[in-house]
Amino acid sequence: MIDKLDLNTKARELREVFGEDANSPVDIFALANQIEGLSIVYYPLGDRISGMCVRDDSVKLIAVNSTMSYGRQRFSLAHEFYHLYFGDLSGFHVCAKKFDPKSEAEKMADQFASYFIAPYKSLRAMVKKICKNGTLSLSDVIALEQYFGMSHQAMLWRLILEGYLNRNDWDDYAAGVVLAARSLGYDDKLYRPTEASLQKRTYGYYLKQVEELRQKDLVSAGKLDELLLDAFREDIVFGDDSETGGEAFD
């Protein structure tokens, strides 16, 4: 049986490890870059896989499906945080896109991710603030997911679990979301995948290791380029066209 209180506590404690408070929205991608020894890969993983986590004595790696929406990528990264910090001591975890059905461990990781992105008390406070007539409308749900930066599906799933919505109403809240968000004045970034040219990228520890090899002059320039290309970082090897006009700093 899933212990929601324990998972909420774990999510709050991990926020504290990152120096975040217990309630505010978080930039989870920036937090991931703080994790020592972690390499992060964004890659098209197909229609069924949202992400994966590799963790053993020598490797810490999280992969996120970059063809899924920005909001879902945020949720997937939080899901992988659970495997990284609280799952098996070592292993290889491939995580499905669908919320149901899943193993107990995957359900726990989903619940943890939901609490990490939208803490229990904070979500309750925002529902009370936004919902004026006792029933959440589609615009209310969109306001909540925009505030916390959570995918629409993940927000619906959470609101149903918390009793704010009925499972039978899922279809009524699942259609016309992007247009409704735009009409309400929100940016639609939350619902779009990563730009195609950026869907294959590696960040974090791997690049730091390559840079250390360069600084210590331990491998040839050709080998450095090969290592960077293996990490889909052509922008570092060949330069970024956007930089040809020089860099500007405010």
Foldseek 3Di string as FASTA:
>chain_A
DADLVVLLVVLQVVCVVLVHHQAAADPVVVSQQPDPQEKEKFAAPDDWWQWKFFADPRHTYIYGHQQFAQQSSQLSSQLRVCCHPPNDNGDIGTATPDQPDDDPSSVSSNSSSLCNLGNPVNLVVLCVVQDDPLADDLVSLLVSCLRSSHASVSSVVVCCVVPRDPPVCVVVNPPPNQVVCVVVPHDSRSGGGPDPLPRTAMDHDQVVVLVVCVVVVVDDPVVSLVSCVVSVPVCVVVNDPVCPVHDDDD
